Amino acid sequence: MTYKVDEIDNKRIVHLNGEIDMEVSDKARNTILPLIEAGHEVHLNLSKVEYMDSSGISVLIESKKLAEQKKTKFELIEVSKPVEKVLAMARKFLWVTKLLRMEI
C-alpha cells in the first residue's frame, strides 16, 4: 500500500493505493488516525485500492469513531469496485448481526 496526503485548508485528502490487508493496516491506521486526532477533516480516496480485508474495514470503523469523538469529519469520497463489494458485504453482515441480537 502506498499513500499520498493532500492538504486543503483544514481538510486532508488521503489517497490510498494497492491492497489494504493485515500486513499494511497499521500503516493505513498510522496515516489516518493522527490526522483526525489533530482535528482535521479526513476525506479518504479509495479509488485505487485493489483489495481490502477485514483489517482495512477495522481501520475505517476506528477512523469514523475517532472523528465522531473529535467532532470532525471522516468520509469516503471515492471507492473502487472491489472495495465497494467488501463494504456491501460488511453492511449486510452488520445488519444480520443486529437483527439476530434483537431477536434474542
PDB file of N, CA and C in Angstrom:
ATOM      1  N   MET A   1       0.840  -1.178   0.000  1.00  0.00           N
ATOM      2  CA  MET A   1       0.000   0.000   0.000  1.00  0.00           C
ATOM      3  C   MET A   1       0.885   1.241   0.000  1.00  0.00           C
ATOM      4  N   THR A   2       0.514   2.183  -0.835  1.00  0.00           N
ATOM      5  CA  THR A   2       1.154   3.494  -0.821  1.00  0.00           C
ATOM      6  C   THR A   2       0.079   4.532  -0.548  1.00  0.00           C
ATOM      7  N   TYR A   3       0.505   5.719  -0.175  1.00  0.00           N
ATOM      8  CA  TYR A   3      -0.473   6.771   0.098  1.00  0.00           C
ATOM      9  C   TYR A   3       0.112   8.138  -0.207  1.00  0.00           C
ATOM     10  N   LYS A   4      -0.813   9.082  -0.358  1.00  0.00           N
ATOM     11  CA  LYS A   4      -0.466  10.482  -0.558  1.00  0.00           C
ATOM     12  C   LYS A   4      -1.504  11.286   0.205  1.00  0.00           C
ATOM     13  N   VAL A   5      -1.074  12.360   0.837  1.00  0.00           N
ATOM     14  CA  VAL A   5      -2.000  13.217   1.578  1.00  0.00           C
ATOM     15  C   VAL A   5      -1.969  14.611   0.963  1.00  0.00           C
ATOM     16  N   ASP A   6      -3.124  15.085   0.521  1.00  0.00           N
ATOM     17  CA  ASP A   6      -3.269  16.458   0.032  1.00  0.00           C
ATOM     18  C   ASP A   6      -3.874  17.299   1.145  1.00  0.00           C
ATOM     19  N   GLU A   7      -3.375  18.519   1.296  1.00  0.00           N
ATOM     20  CA  GLU A   7      -3.876  19.436   2.319  1.00  0.00           C
ATOM     21  C   GLU A   7      -4.611  20.584   1.647  1.00  0.00           C
ATOM     22  N   ILE A   8      -5.867  20.778   2.055  1.00  0.00           N
ATOM     23  CA  ILE A   8      -6.657  21.908   1.582  1.00  0.00           C
ATOM     24  C   ILE A   8      -7.343  22.504   2.811  1.00  0.00           C
ATOM     25  N   ASP A   9      -6.871  23.660   3.257  1.00  0.00           N
ATOM     26  CA  ASP A   9      -7.360  24.282   4.485  1.00  0.00           C
ATOM     27  C   ASP A   9      -7.283  23.260   5.625  1.00  0.00           C
ATOM     28  N   ASN A  10      -8.421  22.974   6.271  1.00  0.00           N
ATOM     29  CA  ASN A  10      -8.427  22.006   7.373  1.00  0.00           C
ATOM     30  C   ASN A  10      -8.715  20.579   6.890  1.00  0.00           C
ATOM     31  N   LYS A  11      -8.862  20.403   5.593  1.00  0.00           N
ATOM     32  CA  LYS A  11      -9.146  19.072   5.037  1.00  0.00           C
ATOM     33  C   LYS A  11      -7.846  18.361   4.695  1.00  0.00           C
ATOM     34  N   ARG A  12      -7.865  17.074   4.923  1.00  0.00           N
ATOM     35  CA  ARG A  12      -6.775  16.220   4.480  1.00  0.00           C
ATOM     36  C   ARG A  12      -7.395  15.138   3.605  1.00  0.00           C
ATOM     37  N   ILE A  13      -6.980  15.107   2.352  1.00  0.00           N
ATOM     38  CA  ILE A  13      -7.467  14.089   1.431  1.00  0.00           C
ATOM     39  C   ILE A  13      -6.391  13.021   1.351  1.00  0.00           C
ATOM     40  N   VAL A  14      -6.736  11.838   1.836  1.00  0.00           N
ATOM     41  CA  VAL A  14      -5.785  10.731   1.878  1.00  0.00           C
ATOM     42  C   VAL A  14      -6.107   9.801   0.711  1.00  0.00           C
ATOM     43  N   HIS A  15      -5.140   9.631  -0.177  1.00  0.00           N
ATOM     44  CA  HIS A  15      -5.270   8.735  -1.324  1.00  0.00           C
ATOM     45  C   HIS A  15      -4.512   7.453  -1.003  1.00  0.00           C
ATOM     46  N   LEU A  16      -5.235   6.343  -0.886  1.00  0.00           N
ATOM     47  CA  LEU A  16      -4.592   5.060  -0.647  1.00  0.00           C
ATOM     48  C   LEU A  16      -4.561   4.281  -1.948  1.00  0.00           C
ATOM     49  N   ASN A  17      -3.476   3.541  -2.163  1.00  0.00           N
ATOM     50  CA  ASN A  17      -3.305   2.751  -3.383  1.00  0.00           C
ATOM     51  C   ASN A  17      -2.858   1.343  -3.026  1.00  0.00           C
ATOM     52  N   GLY A  18      -3.297   0.369  -3.825  1.00  0.00           N
ATOM     53  CA  GLY A  18      -2.837  -1.006  -3.639  1.00  0.00           C
ATOM     54  C   GLY A  18      -3.789  -1.836  -2.816  1.00  0.00           C
ATOM     55  N   GLU A  19      -3.229  -2.653  -1.939  1.00  0.00           N
ATOM     56  CA  GLU A  19      -4.021  -3.560  -1.108  1.00  0.00           C
ATOM     57  C   GLU A  19      -3.958  -3.123   0.343  1.00  0.00           C
ATOM     58  N   ILE A  20      -5.103  -3.193   1.014  1.00  0.00           N
ATOM     59  CA  ILE A  20      -5.154  -2.904   2.443  1.00  0.00           C
ATOM     60  C   ILE A  20      -5.560  -4.196   3.137  1.00  0.00           C
ATOM     61  N   ASP A  21      -4.561  -4.851   3.697  1.00  0.00           N
ATOM     62  CA  ASP A  21      -4.801  -6.113   4.388  1.00  0.00           C
ATOM     63  C   ASP A  21      -4.069  -6.076   5.728  1.00  0.00           C
ATOM     64  N   MET A  22      -4.036  -7.218   6.394  1.00  0.00           N
ATOM     65  CA  MET A  22      -3.453  -7.277   7.730  1.00  0.00           C
ATOM     66  C   MET A  22      -2.000  -6.799   7.754  1.00  0.00           C
ATOM     67  N   GLU A  23      -1.269  -7.041   6.696  1.00  0.00           N
ATOM     68  CA  GLU A  23       0.142  -6.656   6.653  1.00  0.00           C
ATOM     69  C   GLU A  23       0.356  -5.146   6.658  1.00  0.00           C
ATOM     70  N   VAL A  24      -0.582  -4.395   6.082  1.00  0.00           N
ATOM     71  CA  VAL A  24      -0.383  -2.947   5.952  1.00  0.00           C
ATOM     72  C   VAL A  24      -1.436  -2.115   6.670  1.00  0.00           C
ATOM     73  N   SER A  25      -2.361  -2.763   7.365  1.00  0.00           N
ATOM     74  CA  SER A  25      -3.434  -1.996   8.012  1.00  0.00           C
ATOM     75  C   SER A  25      -2.883  -1.022   9.055  1.00  0.00           C
ATOM     76  N   ASP A  26      -1.794  -1.391   9.749  1.00  0.00           N
ATOM     77  CA  ASP A  26      -1.208  -0.455  10.712  1.00  0.00           C
ATOM     78  C   ASP A  26      -0.665   0.791  10.023  1.00  0.00           C
ATOM     79  N   LYS A  27      -0.124   0.621   8.833  1.00  0.00           N
ATOM     80  CA  LYS A  27       0.371   1.775   8.074  1.00  0.00           C
ATOM     81  C   LYS A  27      -0.792   2.705   7.721  1.00  0.00           C
ATOM     82  N   ALA A  28      -1.910   2.129   7.295  1.00  0.00           N
ATOM     83  CA  ALA A  28      -3.102   2.936   6.987  1.00  0.00           C
ATOM     84  C   ALA A  28      -3.607   3.630   8.251  1.00  0.00           C
ATOM     85  N   ARG A  29      -3.692   2.884   9.336  1.00  0.00           N
ATOM     86  CA  ARG A  29      -4.152   3.420  10.628  1.00  0.00           C
ATOM     87  C   ARG A  29      -3.243   4.575  11.076  1.00  0.00           C
ATOM     88  N   ASN A  30      -1.928   4.373  10.976  1.00  0.00           N
ATOM     89  CA  ASN A  30      -0.968   5.394  11.418  1.00  0.00           C
ATOM     90  C   ASN A  30      -0.896   6.595  10.483  1.00  0.00           C
ATOM     91  N   THR A  31      -1.481   6.468   9.319  1.00  0.00           N
ATOM     92  CA  THR A  31      -1.583   7.594   8.386  1.00  0.00           C
ATOM     93  C   THR A  31      -2.834   8.416   8.682  1.00  0.00           C
ATOM     94  N   ILE A  32      -3.947   7.726   8.912  1.00  0.00           N
ATOM     95  CA  ILE A  32      -5.254   8.390   9.030  1.00  0.00           C
ATOM     96  C   ILE A  32      -5.531   8.926  10.439  1.00  0.00           C
ATOM     97  N   LEU A  33      -5.351   8.087  11.457  1.00  0.00           N
ATOM     98  CA  LEU A  33      -5.762   8.480  12.812  1.00  0.00           C
ATOM     99  C   LEU A  33      -5.077   9.735  13.341  1.00  0.00           C
ATOM    100  N   PRO A  34      -3.771   9.942  13.123  1.00  0.00           N
ATOM    101  CA  PRO A  34      -3.167  11.190  13.624  1.00  0.00           C
ATOM    102  C   PRO A  34      -3.767  12.450  12.982  1.00  0.00           C
ATOM    103  N   LEU A  35      -4.203  12.350  11.749  1.00  0.00           N
ATOM    104  CA  LEU A  35      -4.836  13.498  11.095  1.00  0.00           C
ATOM    105  C   LEU A  35      -6.158  13.843  11.776  1.00  0.00           C
ATOM    106  N   ILE A  36      -6.923  12.806  12.097  1.00  0.00           N
ATOM    107  CA  ILE A  36      -8.195  13.013  12.799  1.00  0.00           C
ATOM    108  C   ILE A  36      -7.927  13.520  14.211  1.00  0.00           C
ATOM    109  N   GLU A  37      -6.956  12.912  14.874  1.00  0.00           N
ATOM    110  CA  GLU A  37      -6.584  13.309  16.238  1.00  0.00           C
ATOM    111  C   GLU A  37      -6.237  14.793  16.282  1.00  0.00           C
ATOM    112  N   ALA A  38      -5.632  15.309  15.218  1.00  0.00           N
ATOM    113  CA  ALA A  38      -5.253  16.720  15.140  1.00  0.00           C
ATOM    114  C   ALA A  38      -6.442  17.625  14.809  1.00  0.00           C
ATOM    115  N   GLY A  39      -7.623  17.023  14.590  1.00  0.00           N
ATOM    116  CA  GLY A  39      -8.822  17.818  14.340  1.00  0.00           C
ATOM    117  C   GLY A  39      -9.114  18.107  12.881  1.00  0.00           C
ATOM    118  N   HIS A  40      -8.383  17.487  11.978  1.00  0.00           N
ATOM    119  CA  HIS A  40      -8.618  17.715  10.552  1.00  0.00           C
ATOM    120  C   HIS A  40      -9.812  16.908  10.053  1.00  0.00           C
ATOM    121  N   GLU A  41     -10.487  17.438   9.050  1.00  0.00           N
ATOM    122  CA  GLU A  41     -11.452  16.648   8.288  1.00  0.00           C
ATOM    123  C   GLU A  41     -10.636  15.708   7.419  1.00  0.00           C
ATOM    124  N   VAL A  42     -11.017  14.442   7.392  1.00  0.00           N
ATOM    125  CA  VAL A  42     -10.283  13.489   6.558  1.00  0.00           C
ATOM    126  C   VAL A  42     -11.236  12.916   5.522  1.00  0.00           C
ATOM    127  N   HIS A  43     -10.838  13.075   4.271  1.00  0.00           N
ATOM    128  CA  HIS A  43     -11.578  12.528   3.138  1.00  0.00           C
ATOM    129  C   HIS A  43     -10.696  11.431   2.543  1.00  0.00           C
ATOM    130  N   LEU A  44     -11.215  10.226   2.511  1.00  0.00           N
ATOM    131  CA  LEU A  44     -10.426   9.069   2.103  1.00  0.00           C
ATOM    132  C   LEU A  44     -10.782   8.650   0.690  1.00  0.00           C
ATOM    133  N   ASN A  45      -9.792   8.677  -0.178  1.00  0.00           N
ATOM    134  CA  ASN A  45      -9.976   8.272  -1.569  1.00  0.00           C
ATOM    135  C   ASN A  45      -9.451   6.847  -1.717  1.00  0.00           C
ATOM    136  N   LEU A  46     -10.365   5.925  -1.977  1.00  0.00           N
ATOM    137  CA  LEU A  46     -10.017   4.514  -2.130  1.00  0.00           C
ATOM    138  C   LEU A  46     -10.167   4.050  -3.573  1.00  0.00           C
ATOM    139  N   SER A  47     -10.145   4.975  -4.507  1.00  0.00           N
ATOM    140  CA  SER A  47     -10.389   4.636  -5.914  1.00  0.00           C
ATOM    141  C   SER A  47      -9.317   3.716  -6.499  1.00  0.00           C
ATOM    142  N   LYS A  48      -8.125   3.706  -5.891  1.00  0.00           N
ATOM    143  CA  LYS A  48      -7.048   2.873  -6.422  1.00  0.00           C
ATOM    144  C   LYS A  48      -6.686   1.713  -5.489  1.00  0.00           C
ATOM    145  N   VAL A  49      -7.604   1.395  -4.590  1.00  0.00           N
ATOM    146  CA  VAL A  49      -7.401   0.244  -3.706  1.00  0.00           C
ATOM    147  C   VAL A  49      -7.969  -0.982  -4.413  1.00  0.00           C
ATOM    148  N   GLU A  50      -7.122  -1.963  -4.624  1.00  0.00           N
ATOM    149  CA  GLU A  50      -7.499  -3.161  -5.367  1.00  0.00           C
ATOM    150  C   GLU A  50      -8.098  -4.250  -4.489  1.00  0.00           C
ATOM    151  N   TYR A  51      -7.793  -4.189  -3.184  1.00  0.00           N
ATOM    152  CA  TYR A  51      -8.251  -5.236  -2.276  1.00  0.00           C
ATOM    153  C   TYR A  51      -8.282  -4.680  -0.859  1.00  0.00           C
ATOM    154  N   MET A  52      -9.305  -5.071  -0.096  1.00  0.00           N
ATOM    155  CA  MET A  52      -9.383  -4.694   1.307  1.00  0.00           C
ATOM    156  C   MET A  52      -9.969  -5.865   2.075  1.00  0.00           C
ATOM    157  N   ASP A  53      -9.327  -6.224   3.194  1.00  0.00           N
ATOM    158  CA  ASP A  53      -9.873  -7.285   4.023  1.00  0.00           C
ATOM    159  C   ASP A  53     -10.466  -6.669   5.296  1.00  0.00           C
ATOM    160  N   SER A  54     -10.820  -7.520   6.246  1.00  0.00           N
ATOM    161  CA  SER A  54     -11.489  -7.045   7.462  1.00  0.00           C
ATOM    162  C   SER A  54     -10.606  -6.106   8.278  1.00  0.00           C
ATOM    163  N   SER A  55      -9.298  -6.238   8.192  1.00  0.00           N
ATOM    164  CA  SER A  55      -8.434  -5.311   8.933  1.00  0.00           C
ATOM    165  C   SER A  55      -8.528  -3.901   8.344  1.00  0.00           C
ATOM    166  N   GLY A  56      -8.739  -3.804   7.047  1.00  0.00           N
ATOM    167  CA  GLY A  56      -8.952  -2.494   6.422  1.00  0.00           C
ATOM    168  C   GLY A  56     -10.279  -1.894   6.848  1.00  0.00           C
ATOM    169  N   ILE A  57     -11.311  -2.722   6.926  1.00  0.00           N
ATOM    170  CA  ILE A  57     -12.617  -2.247   7.390  1.00  0.00           C
ATOM    171  C   ILE A  57     -12.495  -1.756   8.827  1.00  0.00           C
ATOM    172  N   SER A  58     -11.717  -2.457   9.621  1.00  0.00           N
ATOM    173  CA  SER A  58     -11.496  -2.050  11.008  1.00  0.00           C
ATOM    174  C   SER A  58     -10.888  -0.649  11.076  1.00  0.00           C
ATOM    175  N   VAL A  59      -9.952  -0.354  10.192  1.00  0.00           N
ATOM    176  CA  VAL A  59      -9.341   0.987  10.152  1.00  0.00           C
ATOM    177  C   VAL A  59     -10.405   2.039   9.830  1.00  0.00           C
ATOM    178  N   LEU A  60     -11.300   1.723   8.908  1.00  0.00           N
ATOM    179  CA  LEU A  60     -12.368   2.671   8.560  1.00  0.00           C
ATOM    180  C   LEU A  60     -13.286   2.924   9.752  1.00  0.00           C
ATOM    181  N   ILE A  61     -13.650   1.860  10.457  1.00  0.00           N
ATOM    182  CA  ILE A  61     -14.532   1.994  11.616  1.00  0.00           C
ATOM    183  C   ILE A  61     -13.851   2.797  12.722  1.00  0.00           C
ATOM    184  N   GLU A  62     -12.587   2.484  13.002  1.00  0.00           N
ATOM    185  CA  GLU A  62     -11.833   3.234  14.020  1.00  0.00           C
ATOM    186  C   GLU A  62     -11.756   4.715  13.647  1.00  0.00           C
ATOM    187  N   SER A  63     -11.522   4.981  12.373  1.00  0.00           N
ATOM    188  CA  SER A  63     -11.403   6.365  11.903  1.00  0.00           C
ATOM    189  C   SER A  63     -12.715   7.110  12.082  1.00  0.00           C
ATOM    190  N   LYS A  64     -13.807   6.475  11.737  1.00  0.00           N
ATOM    191  CA  LYS A  64     -15.131   7.106  11.875  1.00  0.00           C
ATOM    192  C   LYS A  64     -15.442   7.391  13.342  1.00  0.00           C
ATOM    193  N   LYS A  65     -15.167   6.419  14.214  1.00  0.00           N
ATOM    194  CA  LYS A  65     -15.443   6.609  15.644  1.00  0.00           C
ATOM    195  C   LYS A  65     -14.592   7.734  16.227  1.00  0.00           C
ATOM    196  N   LEU A  66     -13.315   7.780  15.861  1.00  0.00           N
ATOM    197  CA  LEU A  66     -12.439   8.843  16.366  1.00  0.00           C
ATOM    198  C   LEU A  66     -12.910  10.208  15.863  1.00  0.00           C
ATOM    199  N   ALA A  67     -13.315  10.278  14.609  1.00  0.00           N
ATOM    200  CA  ALA A  67     -13.808  11.546  14.054  1.00  0.00           C
ATOM    201  C   ALA A  67     -15.051  12.016  14.813  1.00  0.00           C
ATOM    202  N   GLU A  68     -15.917  11.094  15.166  1.00  0.00           N
ATOM    203  CA  GLU A  68     -17.107  11.466  15.946  1.00  0.00           C
ATOM    204  C   GLU A  68     -16.700  11.993  17.319  1.00  0.00           C
ATOM    205  N   GLN A  69     -15.734  11.337  17.956  1.00  0.00           N
ATOM    206  CA  GLN A  69     -15.264  11.784  19.269  1.00  0.00           C
ATOM    207  C   GLN A  69     -14.630  13.174  19.184  1.00  0.00           C
ATOM    208  N   LYS A  70     -13.881  13.408  18.124  1.00  0.00           N
ATOM    209  CA  LYS A  70     -13.181  14.682  17.943  1.00  0.00           C
ATOM    210  C   LYS A  70     -14.061  15.752  17.293  1.00  0.00           C
ATOM    211  N   LYS A  71     -15.298  15.368  17.000  1.00  0.00           N
ATOM    212  CA  LYS A  71     -16.265  16.281  16.363  1.00  0.00           C
ATOM    213  C   LYS A  71     -15.728  16.864  15.058  1.00  0.00           C
ATOM    214  N   THR A  72     -15.176  15.972  14.257  1.00  0.00           N
ATOM    215  CA  THR A  72     -14.703  16.347  12.934  1.00  0.00           C
ATOM    216  C   THR A  72     -15.305  15.379  11.917  1.00  0.00           C
ATOM    217  N   LYS A  73     -14.878  15.483  10.693  1.00  0.00           N
ATOM    218  CA  LYS A  73     -15.495  14.703   9.623  1.00  0.00           C
ATOM    219  C   LYS A  73     -14.523  13.659   9.076  1.00  0.00           C
ATOM    220  N   PHE A  74     -15.061  12.462   8.836  1.00  0.00           N
ATOM    221  CA  PHE A  74     -14.324  11.409   8.149  1.00  0.00           C
ATOM    222  C   PHE A  74     -15.274  10.829   7.122  1.00  0.00           C
ATOM    223  N   GLU A  75     -14.871  10.848   5.869  1.00  0.00           N
ATOM    224  CA  GLU A  75     -15.751  10.283   4.844  1.00  0.00           C
ATOM    225  C   GLU A  75     -14.962   9.682   3.697  1.00  0.00           C
ATOM    226  N   LEU A  76     -15.607   8.741   3.044  1.00  0.00           N
ATOM    227  CA  LEU A  76     -15.051   8.132   1.837  1.00  0.00           C
ATOM    228  C   LEU A  76     -15.522   8.971   0.669  1.00  0.00           C
ATOM    229  N   ILE A  77     -14.600   9.386  -0.186  1.00  0.00           N
ATOM    230  CA  ILE A  77     -15.020  10.224  -1.313  1.00  0.00           C
ATOM    231  C   ILE A  77     -14.997   9.468  -2.639  1.00  0.00           C
ATOM    232  N   GLU A  78     -14.176   8.468  -2.754  1.00  0.00           N
ATOM    233  CA  GLU A  78     -14.169   7.625  -3.954  1.00  0.00           C
ATOM    234  C   GLU A  78     -13.812   6.220  -3.519  1.00  0.00           C
ATOM    235  N   VAL A  79     -14.539   5.251  -4.060  1.00  0.00           N
ATOM    236  CA  VAL A  79     -14.342   3.863  -3.650  1.00  0.00           C
ATOM    237  C   VAL A  79     -14.263   2.987  -4.893  1.00  0.00           C
ATOM    238  N   SER A  80     -13.250   2.143  -4.954  1.00  0.00           N
ATOM    239  CA  SER A  80     -13.107   1.222  -6.089  1.00  0.00           C
ATOM    240  C   SER A  80     -14.178   0.136  -6.027  1.00  0.00           C
ATOM    241  N   LYS A  81     -14.413  -0.521  -7.137  1.00  0.00           N
ATOM    242  CA  LYS A  81     -15.409  -1.607  -7.191  1.00  0.00           C
ATOM    243  C   LYS A  81     -15.084  -2.731  -6.209  1.00  0.00           C
ATOM    244  N   PRO A  82     -13.820  -3.201  -6.135  1.00  0.00           N
ATOM    245  CA  PRO A  82     -13.526  -4.272  -5.177  1.00  0.00           C
ATOM    246  C   PRO A  82     -13.822  -3.866  -3.727  1.00  0.00           C
ATOM    247  N   VAL A  83     -13.524  -2.623  -3.369  1.00  0.00           N
ATOM    248  CA  VAL A  83     -13.789  -2.164  -2.012  1.00  0.00           C
ATOM    249  C   VAL A  83     -15.293  -1.995  -1.802  1.00  0.00           C
ATOM    250  N   GLU A  84     -16.009  -1.516  -2.805  1.00  0.00           N
ATOM    251  CA  GLU A  84     -17.472  -1.412  -2.707  1.00  0.00           C
ATOM    252  C   GLU A  84     -18.090  -2.757  -2.351  1.00  0.00           C
ATOM    253  N   LYS A  85     -17.617  -3.813  -2.987  1.00  0.00           N
ATOM    254  CA  LYS A  85     -18.143  -5.155  -2.724  1.00  0.00           C
ATOM    255  C   LYS A  85     -17.884  -5.581  -1.290  1.00  0.00           C
ATOM    256  N   VAL A  86     -16.671  -5.330  -0.804  1.00  0.00           N
ATOM    257  CA  VAL A  86     -16.334  -5.699   0.579  1.00  0.00           C
ATOM    258  C   VAL A  86     -17.188  -4.906   1.567  1.00  0.00           C
ATOM    259  N   LEU A  87     -17.368  -3.623   1.313  1.00  0.00           N
ATOM    260  CA  LEU A  87     -18.179  -2.796   2.205  1.00  0.00           C
ATOM    261  C   LEU A  87     -19.646  -3.223   2.183  1.00  0.00           C
ATOM    262  N   ALA A  88     -20.139  -3.597   1.026  1.00  0.00           N
ATOM    263  CA  ALA A  88     -21.528  -4.077   0.922  1.00  0.00           C
ATOM    264  C   ALA A  88     -21.701  -5.360   1.735  1.00  0.00           C
ATOM    265  N   MET A  89     -20.731  -6.257   1.644  1.00  0.00           N
ATOM    266  CA  MET A  89     -20.807  -7.498   2.422  1.00  0.00           C
ATOM    267  C   MET A  89     -20.740  -7.194   3.917  1.00  0.00           C
ATOM    268  N   ALA A  90     -19.896  -6.257   4.301  1.00  0.00           N
ATOM    269  CA  ALA A  90     -19.778  -5.891   5.713  1.00  0.00           C
ATOM    270  C   ALA A  90     -21.077  -5.284   6.228  1.00  0.00           C
ATOM    271  N   ARG A  91     -21.714  -4.447   5.412  1.00  0.00           N
ATOM    272  CA  ARG A  91     -23.002  -3.850   5.812  1.00  0.00           C
ATOM    273  C   ARG A  91     -24.050  -4.936   6.034  1.00  0.00           C
ATOM    274  N   LYS A  92     -24.108  -5.901   5.117  1.00  0.00           N
ATOM    275  CA  LYS A  92     -25.074  -7.000   5.257  1.00  0.00           C
ATOM    276  C   LYS A  92     -24.793  -7.800   6.514  1.00  0.00           C
ATOM    277  N   PHE A  93     -23.522  -8.078   6.777  1.00  0.00           N
ATOM    278  CA  PHE A  93     -23.156  -8.827   7.971  1.00  0.00           C
ATOM    279  C   PHE A  93     -23.584  -8.073   9.224  1.00  0.00           C
ATOM    280  N   LEU A  94     -23.304  -6.782   9.277  1.00  0.00           N
ATOM    281  CA  LEU A  94     -23.676  -5.981  10.442  1.00  0.00           C
ATOM    282  C   LEU A  94     -25.185  -5.919  10.610  1.00  0.00           C
ATOM    283  N   TRP A  95     -25.914  -5.824   9.508  1.00  0.00           N
ATOM    284  CA  TRP A  95     -27.375  -5.788   9.572  1.00  0.00           C
ATOM    285  C   TRP A  95     -27.904  -7.107  10.127  1.00  0.00           C
ATOM    286  N   VAL A  96     -27.389  -8.229   9.637  1.00  0.00           N
ATOM    287  CA  VAL A  96     -27.833  -9.538  10.117  1.00  0.00           C
ATOM    288  C   VAL A  96     -27.469  -9.706  11.586  1.00  0.00           C
ATOM    289  N   THR A  97     -26.275  -9.310  11.967  1.00  0.00           N
ATOM    290  CA  THR A  97     -25.856  -9.413  13.369  1.00  0.00           C
ATOM    291  C   THR A  97     -26.772  -8.601  14.264  1.00  0.00           C
ATOM    292  N   LYS A  98     -27.100  -7.391  13.838  1.00  0.00           N
ATOM    293  CA  LYS A  98     -28.002  -6.527  14.601  1.00  0.00           C
ATOM    294  C   LYS A  98     -29.381  -7.173  14.699  1.00  0.00           C
ATOM    295  N   LEU A  99     -29.856  -7.721  13.617  1.00  0.00           N
ATOM    296  CA  LEU A  99     -31.161  -8.377  13.593  1.00  0.00           C
ATOM    297  C   LEU A  99     -31.190  -9.562  14.562  1.00  0.00           C
ATOM    298  N   LEU A 100     -30.143 -10.365  14.531  1.00  0.00           N
ATOM    299  CA  LEU A 100     -30.072 -11.532  15.416  1.00  0.00           C
ATOM    300  C   LEU A 100     -30.033 -11.107  16.882  1.00  0.00           C
ATOM    301  N   ARG A 101     -29.347 -10.045  17.189  1.00  0.00           N
ATOM    302  CA  ARG A 101     -29.285  -9.553  18.573  1.00  0.00           C
ATOM    303  C   ARG A 101     -30.654  -9.095  19.037  1.00  0.00           C
ATOM    304  N   MET A 102     -31.436  -8.527  18.140  1.00  0.00           N
ATOM    305  CA  MET A 102     -32.773  -8.034  18.503  1.00  0.00           C
ATOM    306  C   MET A 102     -33.711  -9.195  18.808  1.00  0.00           C
ATOM    307  N   GLU A 103     -33.520 -10.298  18.130  1.00  0.00           N
ATOM    308  CA  GLU A 103     -34.425 -11.426  18.311  1.00  0.00           C
ATOM    309  C   GLU A 103     -34.131 -12.201  19.576  1.00  0.00           C
ATOM    310  N   ILE A 104     -32.927 -12.090  20.098  1.00  0.00           N
ATOM    311  CA  ILE A 104     -32.547 -12.891  21.272  1.00  0.00           C
ATOM    312  C   ILE A 104     -33.153 -12.332  22.527  1.00  0.00           C
TER     313      ILE A 104
END
